[in-house]
PDB file of N, CA and C in Angstrom:
ATOM      1  N   UNK A   1      21.711 -24.013  33.210  1.00  0.00           N
ATOM      2  CA  UNK A   1      20.425 -23.441  33.538  1.00  0.00           C
ATOM      3  C   UNK A   1      18.845 -23.543  33.160  1.00  0.00           C
ATOM      4  N   UNK A   2      18.416 -22.933  34.314  1.00  0.00           N
ATOM      5  CA  UNK A   2      17.008 -23.707  34.146  1.00  0.00           C
ATOM      6  C   UNK A   2      16.673 -22.549  32.868  1.00  0.00           C
ATOM      7  N   UNK A   3      15.031 -23.405  32.248  1.00  0.00           N
ATOM      8  CA  UNK A   3      14.399 -22.825  31.728  1.00  0.00           C
ATOM      9  C   UNK A   3      13.291 -22.472  32.139  1.00  0.00           C
ATOM     10  N   UNK A   4      13.029 -21.217  31.499  1.00  0.00           N
ATOM     11  CA  UNK A   4      11.687 -20.066  32.294  1.00  0.00           C
ATOM     12  C   UNK A   4      10.442 -20.547  31.111  1.00  0.00           C
ATOM     13  N   UNK A   5       9.559 -20.477  32.589  1.00  0.00           N
ATOM     14  CA  UNK A   5       8.213 -20.817  31.600  1.00  0.00           C
ATOM     15  C   UNK A   5       7.716 -19.291  30.641  1.00  0.00           C
ATOM     16  N   UNK A   6       6.687 -19.347  29.652  1.00  0.00           N
ATOM     17  CA  UNK A   6       6.942 -18.390  29.485  1.00  0.00           C
ATOM     18  C   UNK A   6       4.727 -18.369  30.245  1.00  0.00           C
ATOM     19  N   UNK A   7       4.730 -16.734  30.985  1.00  0.00           N
ATOM     20  CA  UNK A   7       3.174 -16.659  31.039  1.00  0.00           C
ATOM     21  C   UNK A   7       2.227 -16.903  30.173  1.00  0.00           C
ATOM     22  N   UNK A   8       1.715 -17.941  30.425  1.00  0.00           N
ATOM     23  CA  UNK A   8      -0.290 -17.204  29.800  1.00  0.00           C
ATOM     24  C   UNK A   8      -0.718 -16.208  30.053  1.00  0.00           C
ATOM     25  N   UNK A   9      -0.975 -15.841  28.890  1.00  0.00           N
ATOM     26  CA  UNK A   9      -2.047 -13.842  29.099  1.00  0.00           C
ATOM     27  C   UNK A   9      -3.481 -14.261  28.401  1.00  0.00           C
ATOM     28  N   UNK A  10      -4.071 -14.403  29.305  1.00  0.00           N
ATOM     29  CA  UNK A  10      -5.275 -13.201  29.231  1.00  0.00           C
ATOM     30  C   UNK A  10      -5.260 -12.005  27.696  1.00  0.00           C
ATOM     31  N   UNK A  11      -6.219 -12.714  26.331  1.00  0.00           N
ATOM     32  CA  UNK A  11      -5.667 -11.606  26.057  1.00  0.00           C
ATOM     33  C   UNK A  11      -7.236 -11.496  25.064  1.00  0.00           C
ATOM     34  N   UNK A  12      -7.944 -10.172  25.238  1.00  0.00           N
ATOM     35  CA  UNK A  12      -9.337 -10.056  23.810  1.00  0.00           C
ATOM     36  C   UNK A  12      -9.232  -9.122  22.801  1.00  0.00           C
ATOM     37  N   UNK A  13      -7.813  -8.979  22.798  1.00  0.00           N
ATOM     38  CA  UNK A  13      -7.246  -8.540  21.394  1.00  0.00           C
ATOM     39  C   UNK A  13      -6.586  -9.575  21.022  1.00  0.00           C
ATOM     40  N   UNK A  14      -6.996  -8.824  19.159  1.00  0.00           N
ATOM     41  CA  UNK A  14      -7.150  -9.673  18.282  1.00  0.00           C
ATOM     42  C   UNK A  14      -6.108  -9.671  17.169  1.00  0.00           C
ATOM     43  N   UNK A  15      -5.602  -9.694  16.870  1.00  0.00           N
ATOM     44  CA  UNK A  15      -4.284  -9.509  15.289  1.00  0.00           C
ATOM     45  C   UNK A  15      -5.333  -8.605  14.704  1.00  0.00           C
ATOM     46  N   UNK A  16      -6.284  -8.306  14.277  1.00  0.00           N
ATOM     47  CA  UNK A  16      -7.359  -7.772  13.246  1.00  0.00           C
ATOM     48  C   UNK A  16      -7.169  -6.581  14.018  1.00  0.00           C
ATOM     49  N   UNK A  17      -7.611  -6.604  15.326  1.00  0.00           N
ATOM     50  CA  UNK A  17      -7.883  -5.368  15.939  1.00  0.00           C
ATOM     51  C   UNK A  17      -5.680  -4.456  16.217  1.00  0.00           C
ATOM     52  N   UNK A  18      -5.121  -4.790  16.364  1.00  0.00           N
ATOM     53  CA  UNK A  18      -3.781  -4.477  15.673  1.00  0.00           C
ATOM     54  C   UNK A  18      -2.902  -3.589  14.496  1.00  0.00           C
ATOM     55  N   UNK A  19      -3.474  -4.833  13.983  1.00  0.00           N
ATOM     56  CA  UNK A  19      -3.342  -4.224  12.337  1.00  0.00           C
ATOM     57  C   UNK A  19      -3.991  -4.305  11.520  1.00  0.00           C
ATOM     58  N   UNK A  20      -4.225  -2.717  11.295  1.00  0.00           N
ATOM     59  CA  UNK A  20      -5.536  -2.494  10.346  1.00  0.00           C
ATOM     60  C   UNK A  20      -5.512  -3.681   9.284  1.00  0.00           C
ATOM     61  N   UNK A  21      -6.694  -4.240   8.919  1.00  0.00           N
ATOM     62  CA  UNK A  21      -7.118  -4.669   7.686  1.00  0.00           C
ATOM     63  C   UNK A  21      -7.425  -3.977   7.156  1.00  0.00           C
ATOM     64  N   UNK A  22      -6.739  -5.042   5.022  1.00  0.00           N
ATOM     65  CA  UNK A  22      -6.033  -3.699   3.863  1.00  0.00           C
ATOM     66  C   UNK A  22      -7.823  -4.614   3.264  1.00  0.00           C
ATOM     67  N   UNK A  23      -7.786  -3.148   2.536  1.00  0.00           N
ATOM     68  CA  UNK A  23      -9.137  -3.648   1.691  1.00  0.00           C
ATOM     69  C   UNK A  23      -8.941  -3.215   0.296  1.00  0.00           C
ATOM     70  N   UNK A  24      -9.164  -4.238   0.000  1.00  0.00           N
ATOM     71  CA  UNK A  24      -8.073  -4.016  -2.016  1.00  0.00           C
ATOM     72  C   UNK A  24      -9.670  -2.981  -2.411  1.00  0.00           C
ATOM     73  N   UNK A  25      -9.115  -2.047  -3.534  1.00  0.00           N
ATOM     74  CA  UNK A  25      -9.755  -1.357  -3.657  1.00  0.00           C
ATOM     75  C   UNK A  25      -9.775  -0.524  -5.828  1.00  0.00           C
ATOM     76  N   UNK A  26     -10.170   0.472  -5.800  1.00  0.00           N
ATOM     77  CA  UNK A  26      -9.484   0.191  -7.353  1.00  0.00           C
ATOM     78  C   UNK A  26      -8.793   1.128  -6.999  1.00  0.00           C
ATOM     79  N   UNK A  27      -7.676   1.516  -8.515  1.00  0.00           N
ATOM     80  CA  UNK A  27      -7.033   2.860  -8.746  1.00  0.00           C
ATOM     81  C   UNK A  27      -8.363   4.521  -8.809  1.00  0.00           C
ATOM     82  N   UNK A  28      -9.387   4.467 -10.074  1.00  0.00           N
ATOM     83  CA  UNK A  28      -9.798   5.101  -9.808  1.00  0.00           C
ATOM     84  C   UNK A  28     -10.922   5.058  -8.147  1.00  0.00           C
ATOM     85  N   UNK A  29     -10.921   4.913  -7.046  1.00  0.00           N
ATOM     86  CA  UNK A  29     -11.678   5.315  -6.135  1.00  0.00           C
ATOM     87  C   UNK A  29     -10.877   6.606  -5.711  1.00  0.00           C
ATOM     88  N   UNK A  30      -9.876   6.204  -6.512  1.00  0.00           N
ATOM     89  CA  UNK A  30      -8.637   7.526  -4.747  1.00  0.00           C
ATOM     90  C   UNK A  30      -8.348   8.330  -5.517  1.00  0.00           C
ATOM     91  N   UNK A  31      -8.648   8.466  -6.944  1.00  0.00           N
ATOM     92  CA  UNK A  31      -8.727   9.427  -8.315  1.00  0.00           C
ATOM     93  C   UNK A  31      -8.394  10.164  -7.593  1.00  0.00           C
ATOM     94  N   UNK A  32      -7.908  11.829  -7.019  1.00  0.00           N
ATOM     95  CA  UNK A  32      -7.862  13.459  -6.903  1.00  0.00           C
ATOM     96  C   UNK A  32      -8.658  13.361  -5.379  1.00  0.00           C
ATOM     97  N   UNK A  33      -8.396  12.343  -5.104  1.00  0.00           N
ATOM     98  CA  UNK A  33      -6.986  12.502  -3.349  1.00  0.00           C
ATOM     99  C   UNK A  33      -6.041  12.322  -2.638  1.00  0.00           C
ATOM    100  N   UNK A  34      -5.434  13.427  -1.691  1.00  0.00           N
ATOM    101  CA  UNK A  34      -4.185  12.413  -1.256  1.00  0.00           C
ATOM    102  C   UNK A  34      -3.955  11.915  -0.495  1.00  0.00           C
ATOM    103  N   UNK A  35      -3.346  10.658  -0.350  1.00  0.00           N
ATOM    104  CA  UNK A  35      -3.312   9.673   0.209  1.00  0.00           C
ATOM    105  C   UNK A  35      -1.058   9.298   0.925  1.00  0.00           C
ATOM    106  N   UNK A  36      -1.695   8.699   1.742  1.00  0.00           N
ATOM    107  CA  UNK A  36      -0.560   7.846   2.554  1.00  0.00           C
ATOM    108  C   UNK A  36       0.304   7.444   1.849  1.00  0.00           C
ATOM    109  N   UNK A  37       1.247   6.496   0.760  1.00  0.00           N
ATOM    110  CA  UNK A  37       1.660   5.497   0.105  1.00  0.00           C
ATOM    111  C   UNK A  37       2.605   4.915   0.613  1.00  0.00           C
ATOM    112  N   UNK A  38       2.564   3.612   1.893  1.00  0.00           N
ATOM    113  CA  UNK A  38       2.679   3.387   2.053  1.00  0.00           C
ATOM    114  C   UNK A  38       3.781   2.285   1.597  1.00  0.00           C
ATOM    115  N   UNK A  39       3.399   1.524   0.515  1.00  0.00           N
ATOM    116  CA  UNK A  39       5.058   0.870   0.280  1.00  0.00           C
ATOM    117  C   UNK A  39       4.152   0.242  -0.696  1.00  0.00           C
ATOM    118  N   UNK A  40       5.421  -1.170  -1.921  1.00  0.00           N
ATOM    119  CA  UNK A  40       4.744  -1.519  -3.064  1.00  0.00           C
ATOM    120  C   UNK A  40       5.197  -2.658  -2.512  1.00  0.00           C
ATOM    121  N   UNK A  41       4.366  -3.568  -3.891  1.00  0.00           N
ATOM    122  CA  UNK A  41       5.247  -4.931  -4.249  1.00  0.00           C
ATOM    123  C   UNK A  41       4.788  -5.207  -5.252  1.00  0.00           C
ATOM    124  N   UNK A  42       6.201  -5.522  -6.263  1.00  0.00           N
ATOM    125  CA  UNK A  42       6.757  -6.438  -7.854  1.00  0.00           C
ATOM    126  C   UNK A  42       5.056  -7.354  -7.201  1.00  0.00           C
ATOM    127  N   UNK A  43       5.053  -7.200  -9.026  1.00  0.00           N
ATOM    128  CA  UNK A  43       4.236  -8.610  -9.357  1.00  0.00           C
ATOM    129  C   UNK A  43       4.349  -9.374 -10.913  1.00  0.00           C
ATOM    130  N   UNK A  44       4.261 -10.076 -11.405  1.00  0.00           N
ATOM    131  CA  UNK A  44       4.062 -10.522 -12.760  1.00  0.00           C
ATOM    132  C   UNK A  44       2.912 -10.923 -13.224  1.00  0.00           C
ATOM    133  N   UNK A  45       2.204 -10.419 -13.781  1.00  0.00           N
ATOM    134  CA  UNK A  45       0.924 -11.016 -14.387  1.00  0.00           C
ATOM    135  C   UNK A  45       0.661 -11.831 -15.643  1.00  0.00           C
ATOM    136  N   UNK A  46      -0.581 -11.875 -16.077  1.00  0.00           N
ATOM    137  CA  UNK A  46      -0.730 -11.743 -17.552  1.00  0.00           C
ATOM    138  C   UNK A  46      -0.230 -11.135 -17.949  1.00  0.00           C
ATOM    139  N   UNK A  47      -0.218  -9.960 -17.623  1.00  0.00           N
ATOM    140  CA  UNK A  47       0.238  -8.706 -18.402  1.00  0.00           C
ATOM    141  C   UNK A  47       1.410  -7.743 -18.962  1.00  0.00           C
ATOM    142  N   UNK A  48       2.305  -8.681 -17.671  1.00  0.00           N
ATOM    143  CA  UNK A  48       3.381  -7.616 -17.332  1.00  0.00           C
ATOM    144  C   UNK A  48       4.122  -7.682 -15.949  1.00  0.00           C
ATOM    145  N   UNK A  49       5.166  -6.192 -16.095  1.00  0.00           N
ATOM    146  CA  UNK A  49       5.262  -6.572 -14.465  1.00  0.00           C
ATOM    147  C   UNK A  49       3.461  -5.174 -13.610  1.00  0.00           C
ATOM    148  N   UNK A  50       2.838  -5.544 -13.472  1.00  0.00           N
ATOM    149  CA  UNK A  50       2.740  -4.379 -12.019  1.00  0.00           C
ATOM    150  C   UNK A  50       3.072  -4.451  -9.920  1.00  0.00           C
ATOM    151  N   UNK A  51       2.323  -2.939 -10.213  1.00  0.00           N
ATOM    152  CA  UNK A  51       2.579  -3.037  -8.564  1.00  0.00           C
ATOM    153  C   UNK A  51       1.102  -2.953  -7.345  1.00  0.00           C
ATOM    154  N   UNK A  52       1.431  -3.933  -7.089  1.00  0.00           N
ATOM    155  CA  UNK A  52       0.357  -3.592  -5.171  1.00  0.00           C
ATOM    156  C   UNK A  52       0.971  -2.754  -4.782  1.00  0.00           C
ATOM    157  N   UNK A  53       0.247  -1.351  -4.001  1.00  0.00           N
ATOM    158  CA  UNK A  53       0.582  -0.467  -3.609  1.00  0.00           C
ATOM    159  C   UNK A  53      -0.047  -0.159  -2.014  1.00  0.00           C
ATOM    160  N   UNK A  54       0.040   0.056  -1.142  1.00  0.00           N
ATOM    161  CA  UNK A  54      -1.037  -0.300   0.188  1.00  0.00           C
ATOM    162  C   UNK A  54      -1.027   1.010  -0.360  1.00  0.00           C
ATOM    163  N   UNK A  55      -2.145   1.672   0.217  1.00  0.00           N
ATOM    164  CA  UNK A  55      -2.284   2.846   0.918  1.00  0.00           C
ATOM    165  C   UNK A  55      -3.879   3.074   1.902  1.00  0.00           C
ATOM    166  N   UNK A  56      -3.415   4.350   2.521  1.00  0.00           N
ATOM    167  CA  UNK A  56      -3.567   5.043   3.642  1.00  0.00           C
ATOM    168  C   UNK A  56      -4.577   6.436   3.666  1.00  0.00           C
ATOM    169  N   UNK A  57      -6.152   6.758   3.175  1.00  0.00           N
ATOM    170  CA  UNK A  57      -6.255   7.209   2.949  1.00  0.00           C
ATOM    171  C   UNK A  57      -6.528   8.365   3.954  1.00  0.00           C
ATOM    172  N   UNK A  58      -7.389   9.458   2.955  1.00  0.00           N
ATOM    173  CA  UNK A  58      -8.120  10.177   4.498  1.00  0.00           C
ATOM    174  C   UNK A  58      -8.456  10.449   5.302  1.00  0.00           C
ATOM    175  N   UNK A  59      -9.321   9.421   4.846  1.00  0.00           N
ATOM    176  CA  UNK A  59     -10.516   8.354   6.283  1.00  0.00           C
ATOM    177  C   UNK A  59      -9.214   7.022   7.092  1.00  0.00           C
ATOM    178  N   UNK A  60      -8.121   7.226   7.468  1.00  0.00           N
ATOM    179  CA  UNK A  60      -7.894   5.899   8.204  1.00  0.00           C
ATOM    180  C   UNK A  60      -7.531   4.619   7.907  1.00  0.00           C
ATOM    181  N   UNK A  61      -8.270   5.038   6.305  1.00  0.00           N
ATOM    182  CA  UNK A  61      -8.499   3.042   6.276  1.00  0.00           C
ATOM    183  C   UNK A  61      -7.423   2.948   5.128  1.00  0.00           C
ATOM    184  N   UNK A  62      -6.842   1.727   5.104  1.00  0.00           N
ATOM    185  CA  UNK A  62      -6.066   1.020   4.436  1.00  0.00           C
ATOM    186  C   UNK A  62      -6.182   0.888   3.518  1.00  0.00           C
ATOM    187  N   UNK A  63      -5.570   0.314   2.389  1.00  0.00           N
ATOM    188  CA  UNK A  63      -6.162  -0.537   1.095  1.00  0.00           C
ATOM    189  C   UNK A  63      -4.407  -0.646  -0.003  1.00  0.00           C
ATOM    190  N   UNK A  64      -5.076  -1.810  -0.543  1.00  0.00           N
ATOM    191  CA  UNK A  64      -4.850  -2.131  -1.938  1.00  0.00           C
ATOM    192  C   UNK A  64      -4.461  -1.744  -3.189  1.00  0.00           C
ATOM    193  N   UNK A  65      -4.169  -1.194  -3.826  1.00  0.00           N
ATOM    194  CA  UNK A  65      -4.736  -0.600  -4.949  1.00  0.00           C
ATOM    195  C   UNK A  65      -3.748  -1.060  -5.775  1.00  0.00           C
ATOM    196  N   UNK A  66      -4.077  -2.058  -6.943  1.00  0.00           N
ATOM    197  CA  UNK A  66      -3.195  -2.475  -8.611  1.00  0.00           C
ATOM    198  C   UNK A  66      -2.854  -0.868  -9.117  1.00  0.00           C
ATOM    199  N   UNK A  67      -1.764  -1.660  -9.846  1.00  0.00           N
ATOM    200  CA  UNK A  67      -1.538  -0.675 -11.166  1.00  0.00           C
ATOM    201  C   UNK A  67      -0.777  -1.041 -12.183  1.00  0.00           C
ATOM    202  N   UNK A  68      -1.198  -1.030 -13.410  1.00  0.00           N
ATOM    203  CA  UNK A  68       0.455  -1.598 -14.872  1.00  0.00           C
ATOM    204  C   UNK A  68       0.840   0.527 -15.229  1.00  0.00           C
ATOM    205  N   UNK A  69      -0.056   0.486 -15.247  1.00  0.00           N
ATOM    206  CA  UNK A  69       0.288   1.747 -15.313  1.00  0.00           C
ATOM    207  C   UNK A  69       1.469   2.472 -15.599  1.00  0.00           C
ATOM    208  N   UNK A  70       2.954   2.717 -15.983  1.00  0.00           N
ATOM    209  CA  UNK A  70       4.413   2.699 -16.669  1.00  0.00           C
ATOM    210  C   UNK A  70       4.861   3.698 -15.993  1.00  0.00           C
ATOM    211  N   UNK A  71       3.929   4.510 -16.089  1.00  0.00           N
ATOM    212  CA  UNK A  71       4.104   6.454 -14.769  1.00  0.00           C
ATOM    213  C   UNK A  71       4.473   6.209 -13.786  1.00  0.00           C
ATOM    214  N   UNK A  72       3.364   5.228 -13.739  1.00  0.00           N
ATOM    215  CA  UNK A  72       3.484   5.671 -11.691  1.00  0.00           C
ATOM    216  C   UNK A  72       4.543   4.230 -11.124  1.00  0.00           C
ATOM    217  N   UNK A  73       4.421   3.644 -12.441  1.00  0.00           N
ATOM    218  CA  UNK A  73       5.675   2.402 -11.542  1.00  0.00           C
ATOM    219  C   UNK A  73       6.719   2.064 -12.082  1.00  0.00           C
ATOM    220  N   UNK A  74       7.049   4.025 -12.113  1.00  0.00           N
ATOM    221  CA  UNK A  74       8.565   3.522 -13.122  1.00  0.00           C
ATOM    222  C   UNK A  74       9.135   5.357 -11.605  1.00  0.00           C
ATOM    223  N   UNK A  75       8.005   5.858 -10.854  1.00  0.00           N
ATOM    224  CA  UNK A  75       7.899   7.060  -9.917  1.00  0.00           C
ATOM    225  C   UNK A  75       7.987   5.864  -8.973  1.00  0.00           C
ATOM    226  N   UNK A  76       6.524   4.739  -7.966  1.00  0.00           N
ATOM    227  CA  UNK A  76       6.396   4.496  -6.528  1.00  0.00           C
ATOM    228  C   UNK A  76       8.164   3.603  -6.960  1.00  0.00           C
ATOM    229  N   UNK A  77       8.542   2.905  -7.614  1.00  0.00           N
ATOM    230  CA  UNK A  77       9.776   1.770  -7.491  1.00  0.00           C
ATOM    231  C   UNK A  77      10.464   2.386  -7.438  1.00  0.00           C
ATOM    232  N   UNK A  78      11.436   4.543  -8.100  1.00  0.00           N
ATOM    233  CA  UNK A  78      11.970   5.280  -7.858  1.00  0.00           C
ATOM    234  C   UNK A  78      11.802   5.846  -5.757  1.00  0.00           C
ATOM    235  N   UNK A  79      10.580   6.075  -5.695  1.00  0.00           N
ATOM    236  CA  UNK A  79      10.758   6.899  -4.253  1.00  0.00           C
ATOM    237  C   UNK A  79      10.728   5.396  -3.450  1.00  0.00           C
ATOM    238  N   UNK A  80      10.526   3.557  -3.478  1.00  0.00           N
ATOM    239  CA  UNK A  80      10.990   2.924  -3.186  1.00  0.00           C
ATOM    240  C   UNK A  80      12.806   2.907  -2.795  1.00  0.00           C
ATOM    241  N   UNK A  81      13.274   2.637  -3.951  1.00  0.00           N
ATOM    242  CA  UNK A  81      14.337   2.398  -3.854  1.00  0.00           C
ATOM    243  C   UNK A  81      15.137   3.752  -3.605  1.00  0.00           C
ATOM    244  N   UNK A  82      15.067   5.317  -3.449  1.00  0.00           N
ATOM    245  CA  UNK A  82      15.437   5.791  -2.144  1.00  0.00           C
ATOM    246  C   UNK A  82      15.343   6.052  -1.776  1.00  0.00           C
ATOM    247  N   UNK A  83      14.494   5.509  -0.659  1.00  0.00           N
ATOM    248  CA  UNK A  83      14.415   4.989   0.743  1.00  0.00           C
ATOM    249  C   UNK A  83      12.667   5.412   1.070  1.00  0.00           C
ATOM    250  N   UNK A  84      12.344   6.665   0.052  1.00  0.00           N
ATOM    251  CA  UNK A  84      11.324   7.544   0.027  1.00  0.00           C
ATOM    252  C   UNK A  84      10.046   6.963   0.605  1.00  0.00           C
ATOM    253  N   UNK A  85       9.835   6.266   0.646  1.00  0.00           N
ATOM    254  CA  UNK A  85       8.082   6.753   1.992  1.00  0.00           C
ATOM    255  C   UNK A  85       7.892   5.816   3.193  1.00  0.00           C
ATOM    256  N   UNK A  86       7.155   5.973   3.894  1.00  0.00           N
ATOM    257  CA  UNK A  86       5.533   5.797   3.647  1.00  0.00           C
ATOM    258  C   UNK A  86       5.547   7.886   2.374  1.00  0.00           C
ATOM    259  N   UNK A  87       4.623   8.057   1.520  1.00  0.00           N
ATOM    260  CA  UNK A  87       4.693   9.817   1.173  1.00  0.00           C
ATOM    261  C   UNK A  87       3.884   9.796   1.048  1.00  0.00           C
ATOM    262  N   UNK A  88       3.015  11.075   0.648  1.00  0.00           N
ATOM    263  CA  UNK A  88       1.908  11.452   0.813  1.00  0.00           C
ATOM    264  C   UNK A  88       1.451  11.738  -0.741  1.00  0.00           C
ATOM    265  N   UNK A  89       1.288  10.803  -1.353  1.00  0.00           N
ATOM    266  CA  UNK A  89       0.470  10.992  -3.773  1.00  0.00           C
ATOM    267  C   UNK A  89      -0.382  11.068  -3.744  1.00  0.00           C
ATOM    268  N   UNK A  90      -0.576  11.689  -4.786  1.00  0.00           N
ATOM    269  CA  UNK A  90      -2.410  12.199  -5.677  1.00  0.00           C
ATOM    270  C   UNK A  90      -2.320  10.944  -7.220  1.00  0.00           C
ATOM    271  N   UNK A  91      -3.309  10.509  -7.192  1.00  0.00           N
ATOM    272  CA  UNK A  91      -2.992   9.821  -7.898  1.00  0.00           C
ATOM    273  C   UNK A  91      -3.562  10.178  -9.251  1.00  0.00           C
ATOM    274  N   UNK A  92      -4.005  10.579 -10.628  1.00  0.00           N
ATOM    275  CA  UNK A  92      -5.052  11.237 -11.448  1.00  0.00           C
ATOM    276  C   UNK A  92      -4.017  10.401 -12.412  1.00  0.00           C
ATOM    277  N   UNK A  93      -5.569  10.305 -13.685  1.00  0.00           N
ATOM    278  CA  UNK A  93      -5.427  10.722 -15.032  1.00  0.00           C
ATOM    279  C   UNK A  93      -6.144  11.698 -15.881  1.00  0.00           C
ATOM    280  N   UNK A  94      -4.788  11.223 -16.582  1.00  0.00           N
ATOM    281  CA  UNK A  94      -3.686  12.140 -18.048  1.00  0.00           C
ATOM    282  C   UNK A  94      -3.897  11.556 -18.781  1.00  0.00           C
ATOM    283  N   UNK A  95      -4.984  12.553 -19.911  1.00  0.00           N
ATOM    284  CA  UNK A  95      -4.897  11.263 -21.335  1.00  0.00           C
ATOM    285  C   UNK A  95      -6.319  10.457 -20.729  1.00  0.00           C
ATOM    286  N   UNK A  96      -5.017   8.535 -20.958  1.00  0.00           N
ATOM    287  CA  UNK A  96      -4.847   8.183 -21.505  1.00  0.00           C
ATOM    288  C   UNK A  96      -3.967   7.272 -20.860  1.00  0.00           C
ATOM    289  N   UNK A  97      -3.719   8.065 -19.618  1.00  0.00           N
ATOM    290  CA  UNK A  97      -2.215   6.949 -18.786  1.00  0.00           C
ATOM    291  C   UNK A  97      -2.509   7.219 -17.363  1.00  0.00           C
ATOM    292  N   UNK A  98      -1.957   7.216 -16.400  1.00  0.00           N
ATOM    293  CA  UNK A  98      -2.102   7.044 -14.542  1.00  0.00           C
ATOM    294  C   UNK A  98      -1.009   7.935 -15.003  1.00  0.00           C
ATOM    295  N   UNK A  99      -0.878   9.036 -13.768  1.00  0.00           N
ATOM    296  CA  UNK A  99       0.782   9.648 -13.051  1.00  0.00           C
ATOM    297  C   UNK A  99       0.352   9.320 -11.544  1.00  0.00           C
ATOM    298  N   UNK A 100       0.780   9.377 -10.823  1.00  0.00           N
ATOM    299  CA  UNK A 100       1.064  10.058  -9.792  1.00  0.00           C
ATOM    300  C   UNK A 100       1.606  11.127  -8.505  1.00  0.00           C
ATOM    301  N   UNK A 101       1.211  12.238  -8.113  1.00  0.00           N
ATOM    302  CA  UNK A 101       1.476  13.348  -7.831  1.00  0.00           C
ATOM    303  C   UNK A 101       2.427  14.125  -6.305  1.00  0.00           C
TER     304      UNK A 101
END
């Protein structure tokens, strides 16, 4: 069986044009605003477990925020484990801790 040659294609598109660029922001930058929570990644840091949370803001930009807040970690990990991501949520600060609704 002869091997097929892959056609060379000229393209003016770049990976960054197809896959949106991820801009890291602080969780405080999106407090009180609805965001589409696209996914989470668990990380181990200096102070223990934290999450890298990929979000899409109302303007369509994709960002990563990090949080070590236990309430947020527990809620988002449960949503991920239950297959509920992506989902719309709102990060808030209640007294001295962060939450997500």
